[in-house]
């Protein structure tokens, strides 16, 4: 009987250690610094990091996209971006917030989309804005396929003297909660120019 109890205790300890080791491995982060010191943040080591330097220069939007190692139909991603003052897409952070807090028809609720009210927030000691939305997105927009997924997204928009920053988290609704801690860790580690 003592041997059985000892064996069960040892198995429990080994299982707990294995789980802790797997969790620690999945929680590893490394520092990423964008060119020209536009920003830096911790990024998850197990996620794929993508960047297009030529496109950054052309559009004056300097960004890095992080893709989770496992995804269902749509990728789970975190994008950290610096929009220079003379970027090609938005006339400042107000324009970005306005255009990303409602759909193209100006609605905050529709059968396929739900935009939460914009909230003021503080992130990494900076005043900014938090946006949250859910959108039905077609997976193959250039085909006859009607296959779609419900995406849940969270964005932080942080004004700067010469432009603004956006931290954008996107995941299928079912995967959002499981990956939100990774996004928040990236966001808390963010450092940008004033």
Protein backbone atom coordinates (compact mmCIF):
# COMPACT_ATOMS: atom_id res chain seq x y z
CA UNK A 1 0.00 0.00 0.00
CA UNK A 2 2.84 2.39 0.86
CA UNK A 3 4.47 1.63 -2.50
CA UNK A 4 1.23 2.43 -4.32
CA UNK A 5 0.86 5.76 -2.50
CA UNK A 6 4.53 6.59 -3.16
CA UNK A 7 4.17 5.67 -6.83
CA UNK A 8 1.03 7.82 -7.23
CA UNK A 9 2.72 10.73 -5.46
CA UNK A 10 5.75 10.48 -7.75
CA UNK A 11 3.54 10.31 -10.85
CA UNK A 12 1.67 13.43 -9.72
CA UNK A 13 4.93 15.30 -9.15
CA UNK A 14 6.29 14.25 -12.55
CA UNK A 15 3.05 15.22 -14.31
CA UNK A 16 3.05 18.63 -12.63
CA UNK A 17 6.70 19.17 -13.61
CA UNK A 18 5.98 18.19 -17.21
CA UNK A 19 3.03 20.60 -17.37
CA UNK A 20 5.09 23.40 -15.84
CA UNK A 21 7.90 22.73 -18.31
CA UNK A 22 5.51 22.81 -21.27
CA UNK A 23 3.93 26.02 -20.00
CA UNK A 24 7.31 27.65 -19.42
CA UNK A 25 8.42 26.70 -22.93
CA UNK A 26 5.26 28.25 -24.38
CA UNK A 27 5.76 31.39 -22.30
CA UNK A 28 9.24 32.27 -23.59
CA UNK A 29 9.60 35.77 -24.96
CA UNK A 30 12.43 37.67 -26.61
CA UNK A 31 12.99 41.37 -27.22
CA UNK A 32 12.19 42.77 -30.67
CA UNK A 33 13.34 46.25 -31.71
CA UNK A 34 12.04 47.90 -34.88
CA UNK A 35 14.46 49.75 -37.16
CA UNK A 36 15.19 53.40 -36.29
CA UNK A 37 14.13 52.70 -32.69
CA UNK A 38 10.48 53.27 -33.65
CA UNK A 39 9.44 50.75 -31.00
CA UNK A 40 10.43 47.68 -29.04
CA UNK A 41 8.46 44.95 -27.28
CA UNK A 42 8.71 41.40 -26.07
CA UNK A 43 7.51 38.83 -28.61
CA UNK A 44 6.65 35.16 -28.03
CA UNK A 45 9.50 32.95 -29.22
CA UNK A 46 7.21 30.17 -30.44
CA UNK A 47 5.25 32.51 -32.74
CA UNK A 48 6.31 33.25 -36.33
CA UNK A 49 7.54 36.80 -36.89
CA UNK A 50 6.89 38.39 -40.30
CA UNK A 51 8.00 41.74 -41.66
CA UNK A 52 8.10 43.41 -45.10
CA UNK A 53 10.76 46.16 -44.99
CA UNK A 54 10.12 47.39 -48.55
CA UNK A 55 6.41 47.81 -47.84
CA UNK A 56 7.22 49.56 -44.53
CA UNK A 57 9.23 52.20 -46.35
CA UNK A 58 6.75 52.59 -49.20
CA UNK A 59 3.70 53.11 -46.98
CA UNK A 60 5.56 54.65 -44.00
CA UNK A 61 3.93 52.07 -41.73
CA UNK A 62 6.56 50.10 -39.84
CA UNK A 63 5.14 46.88 -38.50
CA UNK A 64 5.81 43.38 -37.40
CA UNK A 65 3.21 40.60 -37.44
CA UNK A 66 3.32 37.66 -35.04
CA UNK A 67 1.47 34.47 -35.94
CA UNK A 68 0.56 31.84 -33.35
CA UNK A 69 1.95 28.35 -34.00
CA UNK A 70 -1.47 26.71 -34.10
CA UNK A 71 -4.58 28.11 -35.71
CA UNK A 72 -7.88 26.73 -36.85
CA UNK A 73 -9.21 28.27 -40.06
CA UNK A 74 -7.96 31.82 -39.53
CA UNK A 75 -4.59 32.68 -38.02
CA UNK A 76 -4.25 34.11 -34.52
CA UNK A 77 -2.08 37.20 -34.90
CA UNK A 78 -0.61 40.17 -33.11
CA UNK A 79 0.52 43.14 -35.18
CA UNK A 80 2.59 45.97 -33.70
CA UNK A 81 2.74 49.02 -35.98
CA UNK A 82 4.17 52.51 -36.07
CA UNK A 83 2.30 54.81 -38.46
CA UNK A 84 4.64 57.67 -39.35
CA UNK A 85 3.09 61.13 -39.60
CA UNK A 86 3.23 60.96 -43.40
CA UNK A 87 1.89 57.38 -43.73
CA UNK A 88 -0.20 56.43 -46.76
CA UNK A 89 -3.33 55.20 -44.94
CA UNK A 90 -4.48 57.48 -42.11
CA UNK A 91 -4.46 61.19 -41.24
CA UNK A 92 -3.46 60.65 -37.63
CA UNK A 93 -4.67 58.49 -34.78
CA UNK A 94 -8.15 60.11 -34.71
CA UNK A 95 -8.74 59.04 -38.32
CA UNK A 96 -7.57 55.50 -37.48
CA UNK A 97 -9.87 55.27 -34.44
CA UNK A 98 -12.85 56.63 -36.37
CA UNK A 99 -12.40 54.24 -39.30
CA UNK A 100 -11.73 51.18 -37.12
CA UNK A 101 -14.51 51.66 -34.55
CA UNK A 102 -17.36 51.19 -37.07
CA UNK A 103 -17.94 49.47 -40.40
CA UNK A 104 -17.78 51.14 -43.83
CA UNK A 105 -21.48 52.10 -43.55
CA UNK A 106 -20.75 53.90 -40.27
CA UNK A 107 -22.58 51.29 -38.17
CA UNK A 108 -21.35 49.86 -34.87
CA UNK A 109 -23.77 46.89 -35.00
CA UNK A 110 -24.90 44.82 -37.95
CA UNK A 111 -25.75 41.15 -38.50
CA UNK A 112 -22.04 40.44 -39.24
CA UNK A 113 -20.23 43.00 -37.08
CA UNK A 114 -20.24 44.32 -33.53
CA UNK A 115 -18.02 47.26 -32.53
CA UNK A 116 -17.69 48.17 -28.85
CA UNK A 117 -17.51 51.83 -27.79
CA UNK A 118 -14.00 53.28 -27.89
CA UNK A 119 -12.43 53.45 -24.42
CA UNK A 120 -9.67 55.71 -23.16
CA UNK A 121 -6.84 53.69 -21.66
CA UNK A 122 -3.24 53.90 -20.50
CA UNK A 123 -0.69 51.44 -21.84
CA UNK A 124 3.01 51.42 -20.99
CA UNK A 125 2.56 54.84 -19.35
CA UNK A 126 0.97 56.35 -22.46
CA UNK A 127 -2.57 57.66 -22.86
CA UNK A 128 -4.38 55.95 -25.70
CA UNK A 129 -7.51 54.25 -26.90
CA UNK A 130 -8.83 50.69 -26.77
CA UNK A 131 -11.03 49.30 -29.53
CA UNK A 132 -12.81 45.93 -29.52
CA UNK A 133 -14.82 44.33 -32.28
CA UNK A 134 -16.20 41.09 -33.62
CA UNK A 135 -16.51 40.56 -37.36
CA UNK A 136 -17.61 37.78 -39.65
CA UNK A 137 -14.83 37.40 -42.22
CA UNK A 138 -14.91 35.33 -45.39
CA UNK A 139 -11.88 33.07 -45.71
CA UNK A 140 -11.79 33.07 -49.52
CA UNK A 141 -13.05 36.50 -50.62
CA UNK A 142 -11.84 36.04 -54.20
CA UNK A 143 -13.80 32.84 -54.76
CA UNK A 144 -17.39 31.61 -54.71
CA UNK A 145 -16.81 29.99 -51.31
CA UNK A 146 -18.94 31.30 -48.46
CA UNK A 147 -16.70 29.76 -45.78
CA UNK A 148 -16.30 32.28 -42.97
CA UNK A 149 -15.14 32.68 -39.36
CA UNK A 150 -16.10 34.98 -36.53
CA UNK A 151 -13.04 37.02 -35.56
CA UNK A 152 -12.65 38.79 -32.25
CA UNK A 153 -10.19 41.68 -32.17
CA UNK A 154 -8.68 44.09 -29.68
CA UNK A 155 -6.63 47.14 -30.61
CA UNK A 156 -4.63 49.68 -28.64
CA UNK A 157 -4.03 53.01 -30.40
CA UNK A 158 -1.30 55.19 -28.89
CA UNK A 159 -0.68 58.74 -30.17
CA UNK A 160 2.90 59.94 -30.60
CA UNK A 161 4.43 63.31 -31.50
CA UNK A 162 5.12 62.24 -35.07
CA UNK A 163 2.51 59.60 -35.87
CA UNK A 164 0.92 56.89 -33.75
CA UNK A 165 1.18 53.25 -32.71
CA UNK A 166 -1.30 50.39 -33.06
CA UNK A 167 -1.16 47.05 -31.26
CA UNK A 168 -3.72 44.74 -32.88
CA UNK A 169 -4.76 41.28 -31.67
CA UNK A 170 -6.97 39.11 -33.86
CA UNK A 171 -8.19 35.54 -33.34
CA UNK A 172 -11.13 33.32 -34.09
CA UNK A 173 -13.66 33.93 -31.34
CA UNK A 174 -13.05 30.46 -29.84
CA UNK A 175 -9.26 31.06 -29.65
CA UNK A 176 -9.36 34.65 -28.40
CA UNK A 177 -9.32 34.03 -24.64
CA UNK A 178 -6.61 31.36 -24.85
CA UNK A 179 -4.23 33.81 -26.58
CA UNK A 180 -5.18 37.13 -24.98
CA UNK A 181 -2.56 36.81 -22.20
CA UNK A 182 0.18 36.66 -24.85
CA UNK A 183 -1.16 39.86 -26.46
CA UNK A 184 -1.35 41.64 -23.12
CA UNK A 185 2.24 40.65 -22.32
CA UNK A 186 3.40 42.05 -25.67
CA UNK A 187 1.37 45.23 -25.02
CA UNK A 188 2.69 45.72 -21.47
CA UNK A 189 6.29 45.43 -22.72
CA UNK A 190 5.76 47.97 -25.54
CA UNK A 191 8.05 51.02 -25.70
CA UNK A 192 7.74 53.64 -28.41
CA UNK A 193 8.96 57.12 -29.20
CA UNK A 194 7.18 59.98 -27.40
